[in-house]
Amino acid sequence: MDETVRVFDGIVYRSGKRRQQDMTPRPDRDVSANLSEAGLSTWRDLEAAIQGNQKGVMTDIARLDPNVLGCYQDELGHV
């Protein structure tokens, strides 16, 4: 069963460097009419987001404007 819920707080992690291009959705891959499928991929668990010696970014969801950005989490911790 797919349990996707909207979340408004907490910390999420994403692999990549802290650069604008790594935090900007790509129109060909990150955009969807279904808001729960659109956007950048992040994880609640650090180890799920960042493998080995990769660089990563930590984001506090509560600091994002919920009127502009919606965050949805599935049962595996993918946000």
Protein backbone atom coordinates (compact mmCIF):
# COMPACT_ATOMS: atom_id res chain seq x y z
CA MET A 1 0.00 0.00 0.00
CA ASP A 2 1.33 3.42 -0.97
CA GLU A 3 1.23 5.68 2.10
CA THR A 4 2.27 9.13 0.88
CA VAL A 5 1.62 12.01 3.28
CA ARG A 6 2.42 15.70 3.19
CA VAL A 7 5.07 16.75 5.71
CA PHE A 8 5.81 20.22 7.05
CA ASP A 9 8.84 19.76 9.31
CA GLY A 10 11.93 17.71 9.94
CA ILE A 11 15.30 17.28 8.30
CA VAL A 12 15.84 15.71 4.86
CA TYR A 13 19.05 14.81 3.02
CA ARG A 14 20.00 14.90 -0.66
CA SER A 15 23.19 13.75 -2.35
CA GLY A 16 25.16 16.35 -4.30
CA LYS A 17 27.07 19.52 -3.68
CA ARG A 18 25.60 22.67 -2.21
CA ARG A 19 25.22 24.41 -5.57
CA GLN A 20 22.24 26.10 -7.16
CA GLN A 21 22.23 23.62 -10.06
CA ASP A 22 21.97 20.67 -7.63
CA MET A 23 19.02 22.24 -5.82
CA THR A 24 17.06 23.32 -8.93
CA PRO A 25 14.43 20.96 -10.39
CA ARG A 26 15.17 19.81 -13.95
CA PRO A 27 12.16 20.30 -16.28
CA ASP A 28 12.74 16.98 -18.05
CA ARG A 29 13.07 14.85 -14.89
CA ASP A 30 11.68 16.61 -11.81
CA VAL A 31 8.43 18.17 -13.05
CA SER A 32 5.06 16.39 -12.93
CA ALA A 33 1.39 17.35 -12.77
CA ASN A 34 1.17 15.00 -9.77
CA LEU A 35 2.64 17.13 -6.98
CA SER A 36 3.54 14.11 -4.87
CA GLU A 37 5.81 12.89 -7.70
CA ALA A 38 7.35 16.21 -8.73
CA GLY A 39 10.42 17.95 -7.38
CA LEU A 40 13.77 17.01 -5.97
CA SER A 41 14.38 13.66 -4.33
CA THR A 42 15.37 13.69 -0.66
CA TRP A 43 15.40 11.20 2.19
CA ARG A 44 14.75 11.35 5.94
CA ASP A 45 17.64 8.95 6.57
CA LEU A 46 21.17 10.23 5.87
CA GLU A 47 22.45 6.80 4.80
CA ALA A 48 19.62 6.38 2.27
CA ALA A 49 20.48 9.71 0.63
CA ILE A 50 24.26 9.76 0.68
CA GLN A 51 26.37 6.73 -0.21
CA GLY A 52 29.99 6.31 0.93
CA ASN A 53 32.12 9.42 0.54
CA GLN A 54 29.59 11.42 -1.50
CA LYS A 55 28.78 15.00 -0.63
CA GLY A 56 25.30 15.89 0.50
CA VAL A 57 22.94 18.64 1.56
CA MET A 58 20.77 18.80 4.68
CA THR A 59 17.50 20.77 4.50
CA ASP A 60 15.12 21.77 7.30
CA ILE A 61 11.66 21.41 5.73
CA ALA A 62 10.10 23.77 8.29
CA ARG A 63 12.11 26.64 6.77
CA LEU A 64 10.49 26.15 3.34
CA ASP A 65 7.34 28.07 2.43
CA PRO A 66 4.52 25.46 2.39
CA ASN A 67 2.46 27.75 0.13
CA VAL A 68 5.11 27.43 -2.58
CA LEU A 69 6.78 24.07 -1.93
CA GLY A 70 4.99 20.89 -0.93
CA CYS A 71 6.90 18.00 0.62
CA TYR A 72 5.48 14.48 0.50
CA GLN A 73 6.94 11.44 2.26
CA ASP A 74 6.35 7.79 1.42
CA GLU A 75 6.52 4.83 3.79
CA LEU A 76 10.25 4.32 3.04
CA GLY A 77 11.25 7.84 4.11
CA HIS A 78 11.61 9.19 0.57
CA VAL A 79 10.54 12.85 0.49
